[in-house]
PDB file of all heavy atoms in Angstrom:
ATOM      1  N   SER A   1     -73.184 -35.771   7.311  1.00  0.00           N
ATOM      2  CA  SER A   1     -72.783 -34.378   7.010  1.00  0.00           C
ATOM      3  C   SER A   1     -71.895 -34.266   5.808  1.00  0.00           C
ATOM      4  O   SER A   1     -71.286 -33.267   5.514  1.00  0.00           O
ATOM      5  CB  SER A   1     -72.122 -33.779   8.234  1.00  0.00           C
ATOM      6  OG  SER A   1     -71.079 -34.635   8.712  1.00  0.00           O
ATOM      7  N   GLN A   2     -71.776 -35.378   5.024  1.00  0.00           N
ATOM      8  CA  GLN A   2     -70.857 -35.374   3.886  1.00  0.00           C
ATOM      9  C   GLN A   2     -71.444 -34.614   2.682  1.00  0.00           C
ATOM     10  O   GLN A   2     -70.700 -34.277   1.749  1.00  0.00           O
ATOM     11  CB  GLN A   2     -70.515 -36.763   3.467  1.00  0.00           C
ATOM     12  CG  GLN A   2     -69.746 -37.533   4.596  1.00  0.00           C
ATOM     13  CD  GLN A   2     -68.530 -36.798   5.093  1.00  0.00           C
ATOM     14  OE1 GLN A   2     -67.612 -36.493   4.377  1.00  0.00           O
ATOM     15  NE2 GLN A   2     -68.538 -36.410   6.381  1.00  0.00           N
ATOM     16  N   THR A   3     -72.738 -34.382   2.729  1.00  0.00           N
ATOM     17  CA  THR A   3     -73.364 -33.556   1.664  1.00  0.00           C
ATOM     18  C   THR A   3     -74.504 -32.767   2.359  1.00  0.00           C
ATOM     19  O   THR A   3     -74.958 -33.089   3.408  1.00  0.00           O
ATOM     20  CB  THR A   3     -73.955 -34.364   0.555  1.00  0.00           C
ATOM     21  OG1 THR A   3     -74.912 -35.314   1.073  1.00  0.00           O
ATOM     22  CG2 THR A   3     -72.899 -35.146  -0.246  1.00  0.00           C
ATOM     23  N   ASN A   4     -74.867 -31.634   1.680  1.00  0.00           N
ATOM     24  CA  ASN A   4     -76.034 -30.846   2.170  1.00  0.00           C
ATOM     25  C   ASN A   4     -75.831 -30.352   3.599  1.00  0.00           C
ATOM     26  O   ASN A   4     -76.787 -30.359   4.406  1.00  0.00           O
ATOM     27  CB  ASN A   4     -77.334 -31.625   2.025  1.00  0.00           C
ATOM     28  CG  ASN A   4     -78.523 -30.704   1.868  1.00  0.00           C
ATOM     29  OD1 ASN A   4     -78.393 -29.575   1.417  1.00  0.00           O
ATOM     30  ND2 ASN A   4     -79.687 -31.215   2.216  1.00  0.00           N
ATOM     31  N   PHE A   5     -74.651 -29.961   3.920  1.00  0.00           N
ATOM     32  CA  PHE A   5     -74.323 -29.465   5.276  1.00  0.00           C
ATOM     33  C   PHE A   5     -73.720 -28.101   5.071  1.00  0.00           C
ATOM     34  O   PHE A   5     -72.831 -27.885   4.243  1.00  0.00           O
ATOM     35  CB  PHE A   5     -73.290 -30.421   5.964  1.00  0.00           C
ATOM     36  CG  PHE A   5     -73.111 -30.137   7.440  1.00  0.00           C
ATOM     37  CD1 PHE A   5     -73.942 -30.712   8.388  1.00  0.00           C
ATOM     38  CD2 PHE A   5     -72.063 -29.359   7.876  1.00  0.00           C
ATOM     39  CE1 PHE A   5     -73.793 -30.459   9.733  1.00  0.00           C
ATOM     40  CE2 PHE A   5     -71.863 -29.083   9.207  1.00  0.00           C
ATOM     41  CZ  PHE A   5     -72.719 -29.710  10.144  1.00  0.00           C
ATOM     42  N   TYR A   6     -74.109 -27.150   5.892  1.00  0.00           N
ATOM     43  CA  TYR A   6     -73.636 -25.760   5.660  1.00  0.00           C
ATOM     44  C   TYR A   6     -72.173 -25.614   5.943  1.00  0.00           C
ATOM     45  O   TYR A   6     -71.644 -26.050   6.965  1.00  0.00           O
ATOM     46  CB  TYR A   6     -74.441 -24.767   6.531  1.00  0.00           C
ATOM     47  CG  TYR A   6     -73.928 -23.342   6.395  1.00  0.00           C
ATOM     48  CD1 TYR A   6     -74.282 -22.589   5.276  1.00  0.00           C
ATOM     49  CD2 TYR A   6     -73.003 -22.823   7.278  1.00  0.00           C
ATOM     50  CE1 TYR A   6     -73.747 -21.316   5.109  1.00  0.00           C
ATOM     51  CE2 TYR A   6     -72.495 -21.550   7.142  1.00  0.00           C
ATOM     52  CZ  TYR A   6     -72.886 -20.782   6.017  1.00  0.00           C
ATOM     53  OH  TYR A   6     -72.349 -19.538   5.856  1.00  0.00           O
ATOM     54  N   THR A   7     -71.507 -24.844   5.073  1.00  0.00           N
ATOM     55  CA  THR A   7     -70.190 -24.369   5.256  1.00  0.00           C
ATOM     56  C   THR A   7     -70.121 -22.950   4.675  1.00  0.00           C
ATOM     57  O   THR A   7     -70.998 -22.559   3.862  1.00  0.00           O
ATOM     58  CB  THR A   7     -69.073 -25.189   4.653  1.00  0.00           C
ATOM     59  OG1 THR A   7     -69.247 -25.141   3.202  1.00  0.00           O
ATOM     60  CG2 THR A   7     -69.112 -26.641   5.106  1.00  0.00           C
ATOM     61  N   LEU A   8     -69.106 -22.150   5.025  1.00  0.00           N
ATOM     62  CA  LEU A   8     -68.909 -20.903   4.383  1.00  0.00           C
ATOM     63  C   LEU A   8     -68.803 -21.036   2.852  1.00  0.00           C
ATOM     64  O   LEU A   8     -69.284 -20.199   2.070  1.00  0.00           O
ATOM     65  CB  LEU A   8     -67.712 -20.165   4.923  1.00  0.00           C
ATOM     66  CG  LEU A   8     -67.798 -19.632   6.322  1.00  0.00           C
ATOM     67  CD1 LEU A   8     -66.418 -19.175   6.816  1.00  0.00           C
ATOM     68  CD2 LEU A   8     -68.779 -18.517   6.440  1.00  0.00           C
ATOM     69  N   ALA A   9     -68.159 -22.109   2.422  1.00  0.00           N
ATOM     70  CA  ALA A   9     -68.008 -22.388   1.008  1.00  0.00           C
ATOM     71  C   ALA A   9     -69.350 -22.586   0.357  1.00  0.00           C
ATOM     72  O   ALA A   9     -69.593 -22.121  -0.792  1.00  0.00           O
ATOM     73  CB  ALA A   9     -67.097 -23.581   0.782  1.00  0.00           C
ATOM     74  N   ALA A  10     -70.220 -23.371   0.996  1.00  0.00           N
ATOM     75  CA  ALA A  10     -71.547 -23.596   0.400  1.00  0.00           C
ATOM     76  C   ALA A  10     -72.318 -22.307   0.282  1.00  0.00           C
ATOM     77  O   ALA A  10     -72.955 -22.008  -0.764  1.00  0.00           O
ATOM     78  CB  ALA A  10     -72.319 -24.626   1.273  1.00  0.00           C
ATOM     79  N   GLY A  11     -72.310 -21.486   1.330  1.00  0.00           N
ATOM     80  CA  GLY A  11     -73.028 -20.225   1.327  1.00  0.00           C
ATOM     81  C   GLY A  11     -72.467 -19.256   0.285  1.00  0.00           C
ATOM     82  O   GLY A  11     -73.197 -18.641  -0.493  1.00  0.00           O
ATOM     83  N   LEU A  12     -71.173 -19.089   0.275  1.00  0.00           N
ATOM     84  CA  LEU A  12     -70.470 -18.142  -0.648  1.00  0.00           C
ATOM     85  C   LEU A  12     -70.605 -18.673  -2.114  1.00  0.00           C
ATOM     86  O   LEU A  12     -70.718 -17.876  -3.018  1.00  0.00           O
ATOM     87  CB  LEU A  12     -69.050 -17.924  -0.237  1.00  0.00           C
ATOM     88  CG  LEU A  12     -68.882 -17.176   1.070  1.00  0.00           C
ATOM     89  CD1 LEU A  12     -67.395 -17.121   1.468  1.00  0.00           C
ATOM     90  CD2 LEU A  12     -69.415 -15.734   0.984  1.00  0.00           C
ATOM     91  N   GLY A  13     -70.534 -19.970  -2.254  1.00  0.00           N
ATOM     92  CA  GLY A  13     -70.684 -20.555  -3.583  1.00  0.00           C
ATOM     93  C   GLY A  13     -72.014 -20.199  -4.216  1.00  0.00           C
ATOM     94  O   GLY A  13     -72.111 -19.935  -5.439  1.00  0.00           O
ATOM     95  N   GLN A  14     -73.068 -20.167  -3.439  1.00  0.00           N
ATOM     96  CA  GLN A  14     -74.390 -19.731  -3.952  1.00  0.00           C
ATOM     97  C   GLN A  14     -74.433 -18.293  -4.384  1.00  0.00           C
ATOM     98  O   GLN A  14     -75.282 -17.918  -5.139  1.00  0.00           O
ATOM     99  CB  GLN A  14     -75.474 -20.022  -2.939  1.00  0.00           C
ATOM    100  CG  GLN A  14     -75.823 -21.490  -2.717  1.00  0.00           C
ATOM    101  CD  GLN A  14     -77.119 -21.671  -1.919  1.00  0.00           C
ATOM    102  OE1 GLN A  14     -77.775 -20.685  -1.514  1.00  0.00           O
ATOM    103  NE2 GLN A  14     -77.435 -22.933  -1.628  1.00  0.00           N
ATOM    104  N   GLN A  15     -73.476 -17.523  -3.913  1.00  0.00           N
ATOM    105  CA  GLN A  15     -73.416 -16.095  -4.253  1.00  0.00           C
ATOM    106  C   GLN A  15     -72.341 -15.814  -5.319  1.00  0.00           C
ATOM    107  O   GLN A  15     -71.975 -14.666  -5.481  1.00  0.00           O
ATOM    108  CB  GLN A  15     -73.146 -15.255  -3.023  1.00  0.00           C
ATOM    109  CG  GLN A  15     -74.242 -15.464  -1.929  1.00  0.00           C
ATOM    110  CD  GLN A  15     -74.332 -14.259  -0.995  1.00  0.00           C
ATOM    111  OE1 GLN A  15     -74.130 -13.130  -1.394  1.00  0.00           O
ATOM    112  NE2 GLN A  15     -74.637 -14.525   0.262  1.00  0.00           N
ATOM    113  N   GLY A  16     -71.906 -16.871  -5.972  1.00  0.00           N
ATOM    114  CA  GLY A  16     -71.016 -16.661  -7.129  1.00  0.00           C
ATOM    115  C   GLY A  16     -69.552 -16.700  -6.767  1.00  0.00           C
ATOM    116  O   GLY A  16     -68.704 -16.440  -7.648  1.00  0.00           O
ATOM    117  N   TYR A  17     -69.170 -17.082  -5.574  1.00  0.00           N
ATOM    118  CA  TYR A  17     -67.733 -17.140  -5.226  1.00  0.00           C
ATOM    119  C   TYR A  17     -67.156 -18.461  -5.722  1.00  0.00           C
ATOM    120  O   TYR A  17     -67.803 -19.523  -5.746  1.00  0.00           O
ATOM    121  CB  TYR A  17     -67.589 -17.155  -3.686  1.00  0.00           C
ATOM    122  CG  TYR A  17     -67.598 -15.765  -3.043  1.00  0.00           C
ATOM    123  CD1 TYR A  17     -68.761 -14.964  -3.027  1.00  0.00           C
ATOM    124  CD2 TYR A  17     -66.461 -15.266  -2.443  1.00  0.00           C
ATOM    125  CE1 TYR A  17     -68.815 -13.755  -2.436  1.00  0.00           C
ATOM    126  CE2 TYR A  17     -66.467 -14.009  -1.850  1.00  0.00           C
ATOM    127  CZ  TYR A  17     -67.634 -13.249  -1.813  1.00  0.00           C
ATOM    128  OH  TYR A  17     -67.680 -12.015  -1.222  1.00  0.00           O
ATOM    129  N   HIS A  18     -65.849 -18.389  -6.127  1.00  0.00           N
ATOM    130  CA  HIS A  18     -65.108 -19.623  -6.329  1.00  0.00           C
ATOM    131  C   HIS A  18     -64.548 -20.012  -4.966  1.00  0.00           C
ATOM    132  O   HIS A  18     -63.975 -19.166  -4.273  1.00  0.00           O
ATOM    133  CB  HIS A  18     -63.981 -19.366  -7.370  1.00  0.00           C
ATOM    134  CG  HIS A  18     -63.059 -20.598  -7.471  1.00  0.00           C
ATOM    135  ND1 HIS A  18     -63.384 -21.626  -8.275  1.00  0.00           N
ATOM    136  CD2 HIS A  18     -61.920 -20.902  -6.817  1.00  0.00           C
ATOM    137  CE1 HIS A  18     -62.409 -22.554  -8.167  1.00  0.00           C
ATOM    138  NE2 HIS A  18     -61.540 -22.144  -7.269  1.00  0.00           N
ATOM    139  N   THR A  19     -64.601 -21.291  -4.684  1.00  0.00           N
ATOM    140  CA  THR A  19     -64.180 -21.714  -3.363  1.00  0.00           C
ATOM    141  C   THR A  19     -63.214 -22.890  -3.487  1.00  0.00           C
ATOM    142  O   THR A  19     -63.424 -23.781  -4.285  1.00  0.00           O
ATOM    143  CB  THR A  19     -65.429 -22.264  -2.529  1.00  0.00           C
ATOM    144  OG1 THR A  19     -66.055 -23.290  -3.241  1.00  0.00           O
ATOM    145  CG2 THR A  19     -66.411 -21.113  -2.315  1.00  0.00           C
ATOM    146  N   GLU A  20     -62.149 -22.875  -2.685  1.00  0.00           N
ATOM    147  CA  GLU A  20     -61.162 -23.964  -2.778  1.00  0.00           C
ATOM    148  C   GLU A  20     -60.438 -24.146  -1.457  1.00  0.00           C
ATOM    149  O   GLU A  20     -60.380 -23.255  -0.634  1.00  0.00           O
ATOM    150  CB  GLU A  20     -60.201 -23.769  -3.930  1.00  0.00           C
ATOM    151  CG  GLU A  20     -59.224 -22.636  -3.842  1.00  0.00           C
ATOM    152  CD  GLU A  20     -58.320 -22.518  -5.046  1.00  0.00           C
ATOM    153  OE1 GLU A  20     -58.866 -22.674  -6.187  1.00  0.00           O
ATOM    154  OE2 GLU A  20     -57.110 -22.356  -4.875  1.00  0.00           O
ATOM    155  N   PHE A  21     -59.862 -25.338  -1.339  1.00  0.00           N
ATOM    156  CA  PHE A  21     -59.116 -25.740  -0.138  1.00  0.00           C
ATOM    157  C   PHE A  21     -57.709 -26.101  -0.586  1.00  0.00           C
ATOM    158  O   PHE A  21     -57.483 -26.810  -1.522  1.00  0.00           O
ATOM    159  CB  PHE A  21     -59.831 -26.927   0.453  1.00  0.00           C
ATOM    160  CG  PHE A  21     -58.995 -27.627   1.568  1.00  0.00           C
ATOM    161  CD1 PHE A  21     -58.581 -26.907   2.678  1.00  0.00           C
ATOM    162  CD2 PHE A  21     -58.711 -28.989   1.560  1.00  0.00           C
ATOM    163  CE1 PHE A  21     -57.831 -27.494   3.679  1.00  0.00           C
ATOM    164  CE2 PHE A  21     -58.006 -29.595   2.579  1.00  0.00           C
ATOM    165  CZ  PHE A  21     -57.565 -28.838   3.641  1.00  0.00           C
ATOM    166  N   VAL A  22     -56.720 -25.511   0.098  1.00  0.00           N
ATOM    167  CA  VAL A  22     -55.294 -25.746  -0.269  1.00  0.00           C
ATOM    168  C   VAL A  22     -54.605 -26.315   0.992  1.00  0.00           C
ATOM    169  O   VAL A  22     -54.633 -25.733   2.053  1.00  0.00           O
ATOM    170  CB  VAL A  22     -54.616 -24.430  -0.670  1.00  0.00           C
ATOM    171  CG1 VAL A  22     -53.181 -24.743  -1.217  1.00  0.00           C
ATOM    172  CG2 VAL A  22     -55.399 -23.720  -1.758  1.00  0.00           C
ATOM    173  N   TYR A  23     -53.977 -27.468   0.802  1.00  0.00           N
ATOM    174  CA  TYR A  23     -53.347 -28.227   1.898  1.00  0.00           C
ATOM    175  C   TYR A  23     -52.052 -28.840   1.408  1.00  0.00           C
ATOM    176  O   TYR A  23     -52.001 -29.402   0.325  1.00  0.00           O
ATOM    177  CB  TYR A  23     -54.322 -29.266   2.394  1.00  0.00           C
ATOM    178  CG  TYR A  23     -53.875 -30.145   3.571  1.00  0.00           C
ATOM    179  CD1 TYR A  23     -53.336 -29.589   4.726  1.00  0.00           C
ATOM    180  CD2 TYR A  23     -53.951 -31.524   3.486  1.00  0.00           C
ATOM    181  CE1 TYR A  23     -52.921 -30.370   5.766  1.00  0.00           C
ATOM    182  CE2 TYR A  23     -53.547 -32.298   4.544  1.00  0.00           C
ATOM    183  CZ  TYR A  23     -53.034 -31.758   5.684  1.00  0.00           C
ATOM    184  OH  TYR A  23     -52.587 -32.542   6.751  1.00  0.00           O
ATOM    185  N   GLY A  24     -51.030 -28.757   2.263  1.00  0.00           N
ATOM    186  CA  GLY A  24     -49.737 -29.337   1.872  1.00  0.00           C
ATOM    187  C   GLY A  24     -49.624 -30.831   2.023  1.00  0.00           C
ATOM    188  O   GLY A  24     -48.696 -31.440   1.480  1.00  0.00           O
ATOM    189  N   GLY A  25     -50.592 -31.431   2.727  1.00  0.00           N
ATOM    190  CA  GLY A  25     -50.540 -32.912   2.869  1.00  0.00           C
ATOM    191  C   GLY A  25     -51.503 -33.588   1.886  1.00  0.00           C
ATOM    192  O   GLY A  25     -51.789 -33.131   0.795  1.00  0.00           O
ATOM    193  N   GLU A  26     -52.072 -34.697   2.388  1.00  0.00           N
ATOM    194  CA  GLU A  26     -53.026 -35.467   1.595  1.00  0.00           C
ATOM    195  C   GLU A  26     -54.401 -35.085   2.037  1.00  0.00           C
ATOM    196  O   GLU A  26     -54.790 -35.305   3.213  1.00  0.00           O
ATOM    197  CB  GLU A  26     -52.730 -36.943   1.749  1.00  0.00           C
ATOM    198  CG  GLU A  26     -51.333 -37.359   1.322  1.00  0.00           C
ATOM    199  CD  GLU A  26     -50.913 -38.704   1.861  1.00  0.00           C
ATOM    200  OE1 GLU A  26     -51.803 -39.442   2.420  1.00  0.00           O
ATOM    201  OE2 GLU A  26     -49.730 -39.053   1.822  1.00  0.00           O
ATOM    202  N   ALA A  27     -55.189 -34.537   1.083  1.00  0.00           N
ATOM    203  CA  ALA A  27     -56.473 -33.948   1.476  1.00  0.00           C
ATOM    204  C   ALA A  27     -57.464 -34.988   1.991  1.00  0.00           C
ATOM    205  O   ALA A  27     -58.444 -34.583   2.636  1.00  0.00           O
ATOM    206  CB  ALA A  27     -57.080 -33.238   0.280  1.00  0.00           C
ATOM    207  N   HIS A  28     -57.229 -36.269   1.759  1.00  0.00           N
ATOM    208  CA  HIS A  28     -58.166 -37.231   2.267  1.00  0.00           C
ATOM    209  C   HIS A  28     -57.992 -37.482   3.739  1.00  0.00           C
ATOM    210  O   HIS A  28     -58.777 -38.165   4.425  1.00  0.00           O
ATOM    211  CB  HIS A  28     -58.077 -38.565   1.511  1.00  0.00           C
ATOM    212  CG  HIS A  28     -56.805 -39.309   1.733  1.00  0.00           C
ATOM    213  ND1 HIS A  28     -55.686 -39.018   1.032  1.00  0.00           N
ATOM    214  CD2 HIS A  28     -56.515 -40.316   2.541  1.00  0.00           C
ATOM    215  CE1 HIS A  28     -54.709 -39.850   1.421  1.00  0.00           C
ATOM    216  NE2 HIS A  28     -55.193 -40.637   2.330  1.00  0.00           N
ATOM    217  N   PHE A  29     -56.854 -36.985   4.330  1.00  0.00           N
ATOM    218  CA  PHE A  29     -56.640 -37.135   5.797  1.00  0.00           C
ATOM    219  C   PHE A  29     -57.850 -36.595   6.566  1.00  0.00           C
ATOM    220  O   PHE A  29     -58.365 -35.499   6.306  1.00  0.00           O
ATOM    221  CB  PHE A  29     -55.322 -36.425   6.199  1.00  0.00           C
ATOM    222  CG  PHE A  29     -55.109 -36.445   7.677  1.00  0.00           C
ATOM    223  CD1 PHE A  29     -54.889 -37.591   8.323  1.00  0.00           C
ATOM    224  CD2 PHE A  29     -55.157 -35.272   8.413  1.00  0.00           C
ATOM    225  CE1 PHE A  29     -54.641 -37.643   9.692  1.00  0.00           C
ATOM    226  CE2 PHE A  29     -54.911 -35.220   9.759  1.00  0.00           C
ATOM    227  CZ  PHE A  29     -54.691 -36.434  10.415  1.00  0.00           C
ATOM    228  N   ASP A  30     -58.206 -37.276   7.586  1.00  0.00           N
ATOM    229  CA  ASP A  30     -59.327 -36.921   8.458  1.00  0.00           C
ATOM    230  C   ASP A  30     -60.655 -36.669   7.665  1.00  0.00           C
ATOM    231  O   ASP A  30     -61.514 -35.949   8.093  1.00  0.00           O
ATOM    232  CB  ASP A  30     -58.997 -35.673   9.257  1.00  0.00           C
ATOM    233  CG  ASP A  30     -58.506 -35.982  10.653  1.00  0.00           C
ATOM    234  OD1 ASP A  30     -58.666 -37.113  11.077  1.00  0.00           O
ATOM    235  OD2 ASP A  30     -58.017 -35.050  11.360  1.00  0.00           O
ATOM    236  N   ASN A  31     -60.726 -37.300   6.504  1.00  0.00           N
ATOM    237  CA  ASN A  31     -61.968 -37.219   5.658  1.00  0.00           C
ATOM    238  C   ASN A  31     -62.242 -35.845   5.134  1.00  0.00           C
ATOM    239  O   ASN A  31     -63.353 -35.487   4.680  1.00  0.00           O
ATOM    240  CB  ASN A  31     -63.159 -37.671   6.469  1.00  0.00           C
ATOM    241  CG  ASN A  31     -64.294 -38.238   5.559  1.00  0.00           C
ATOM    242  OD1 ASN A  31     -64.017 -39.107   4.774  1.00  0.00           O
ATOM    243  ND2 ASN A  31     -65.461 -37.676   5.680  1.00  0.00           N
ATOM    244  N   MET A  32     -61.198 -34.938   5.138  1.00  0.00           N
ATOM    245  CA  MET A  32     -61.416 -33.565   4.707  1.00  0.00           C
ATOM    246  C   MET A  32     -61.884 -33.461   3.245  1.00  0.00           C
ATOM    247  O   MET A  32     -62.800 -32.736   2.940  1.00  0.00           O
ATOM    248  CB  MET A  32     -60.185 -32.730   4.909  1.00  0.00           C
ATOM    249  CG  MET A  32     -59.730 -32.560   6.368  1.00  0.00           C
ATOM    250  SD  MET A  32     -58.331 -31.385   6.585  1.00  0.00           S
ATOM    251  CE  MET A  32     -57.018 -32.339   5.778  1.00  0.00           C
ATOM    252  N   ARG A  33     -61.280 -34.215   2.379  1.00  0.00           N
ATOM    253  CA  ARG A  33     -61.651 -34.140   0.938  1.00  0.00           C
ATOM    254  C   ARG A  33     -63.120 -34.439   0.741  1.00  0.00           C
ATOM    255  O   ARG A  33     -63.806 -33.694   0.018  1.00  0.00           O
ATOM    256  CB  ARG A  33     -60.767 -35.081   0.079  1.00  0.00           C
ATOM    257  CG  ARG A  33     -61.154 -35.072  -1.387  1.00  0.00           C
ATOM    258  CD  ARG A  33     -60.345 -36.041  -2.160  1.00  0.00           C
ATOM    259  NE  ARG A  33     -58.966 -35.731  -2.342  1.00  0.00           N
ATOM    260  CZ  ARG A  33     -58.485 -34.907  -3.274  1.00  0.00           C
ATOM    261  NH1 ARG A  33     -59.343 -34.420  -4.181  1.00  0.00           N
ATOM    262  NH2 ARG A  33     -57.245 -34.624  -3.386  1.00  0.00           N
ATOM    263  N   SER A  34     -63.594 -35.502   1.363  1.00  0.00           N
ATOM    264  CA  SER A  34     -64.968 -35.841   1.176  1.00  0.00           C
ATOM    265  C   SER A  34     -65.887 -34.770   1.740  1.00  0.00           C
ATOM    266  O   SER A  34     -66.863 -34.381   1.067  1.00  0.00           O
ATOM    267  CB  SER A  34     -65.278 -37.222   1.888  1.00  0.00           C
ATOM    268  OG  SER A  34     -66.597 -37.557   1.788  1.00  0.00           O
ATOM    269  N   PHE A  35     -65.620 -34.293   2.937  1.00  0.00           N
ATOM    270  CA  PHE A  35     -66.482 -33.305   3.598  1.00  0.00           C
ATOM    271  C   PHE A  35     -66.451 -31.996   2.739  1.00  0.00           C
ATOM    272  O   PHE A  35     -67.509 -31.400   2.502  1.00  0.00           O
ATOM    273  CB  PHE A  35     -65.994 -33.021   4.990  1.00  0.00           C
ATOM    274  CG  PHE A  35     -66.760 -31.970   5.734  1.00  0.00           C
ATOM    275  CD1 PHE A  35     -68.024 -32.276   6.276  1.00  0.00           C
ATOM    276  CD2 PHE A  35     -66.264 -30.683   5.890  1.00  0.00           C
ATOM    277  CE1 PHE A  35     -68.736 -31.291   6.937  1.00  0.00           C
ATOM    278  CE2 PHE A  35     -66.980 -29.691   6.527  1.00  0.00           C
ATOM    279  CZ  PHE A  35     -68.251 -30.007   7.069  1.00  0.00           C
ATOM    280  N   PHE A  36     -65.294 -31.560   2.306  1.00  0.00           N
ATOM    281  CA  PHE A  36     -65.203 -30.302   1.582  1.00  0.00           C
ATOM    282  C   PHE A  36     -65.834 -30.382   0.182  1.00  0.00           C
ATOM    283  O   PHE A  36     -66.573 -29.498  -0.219  1.00  0.00           O
ATOM    284  CB  PHE A  36     -63.776 -29.865   1.448  1.00  0.00           C
ATOM    285  CG  PHE A  36     -63.154 -29.384   2.739  1.00  0.00           C
ATOM    286  CD1 PHE A  36     -61.811 -29.542   3.040  1.00  0.00           C
ATOM    287  CD2 PHE A  36     -63.911 -28.703   3.683  1.00  0.00           C
ATOM    288  CE1 PHE A  36     -61.256 -29.108   4.232  1.00  0.00           C
ATOM    289  CE2 PHE A  36     -63.416 -28.211   4.861  1.00  0.00           C
ATOM    290  CZ  PHE A  36     -62.061 -28.411   5.129  1.00  0.00           C
TER     291      PHE A  36
END
């Protein structure tokens, strides 16, 4: 599921949205950076 897996970001990105993730810790925790 690390690529080609549906998220709101994937769907909205196809419709011209800018998408981002903001986190106060280290984004690689729990593999979030890779998945996102």
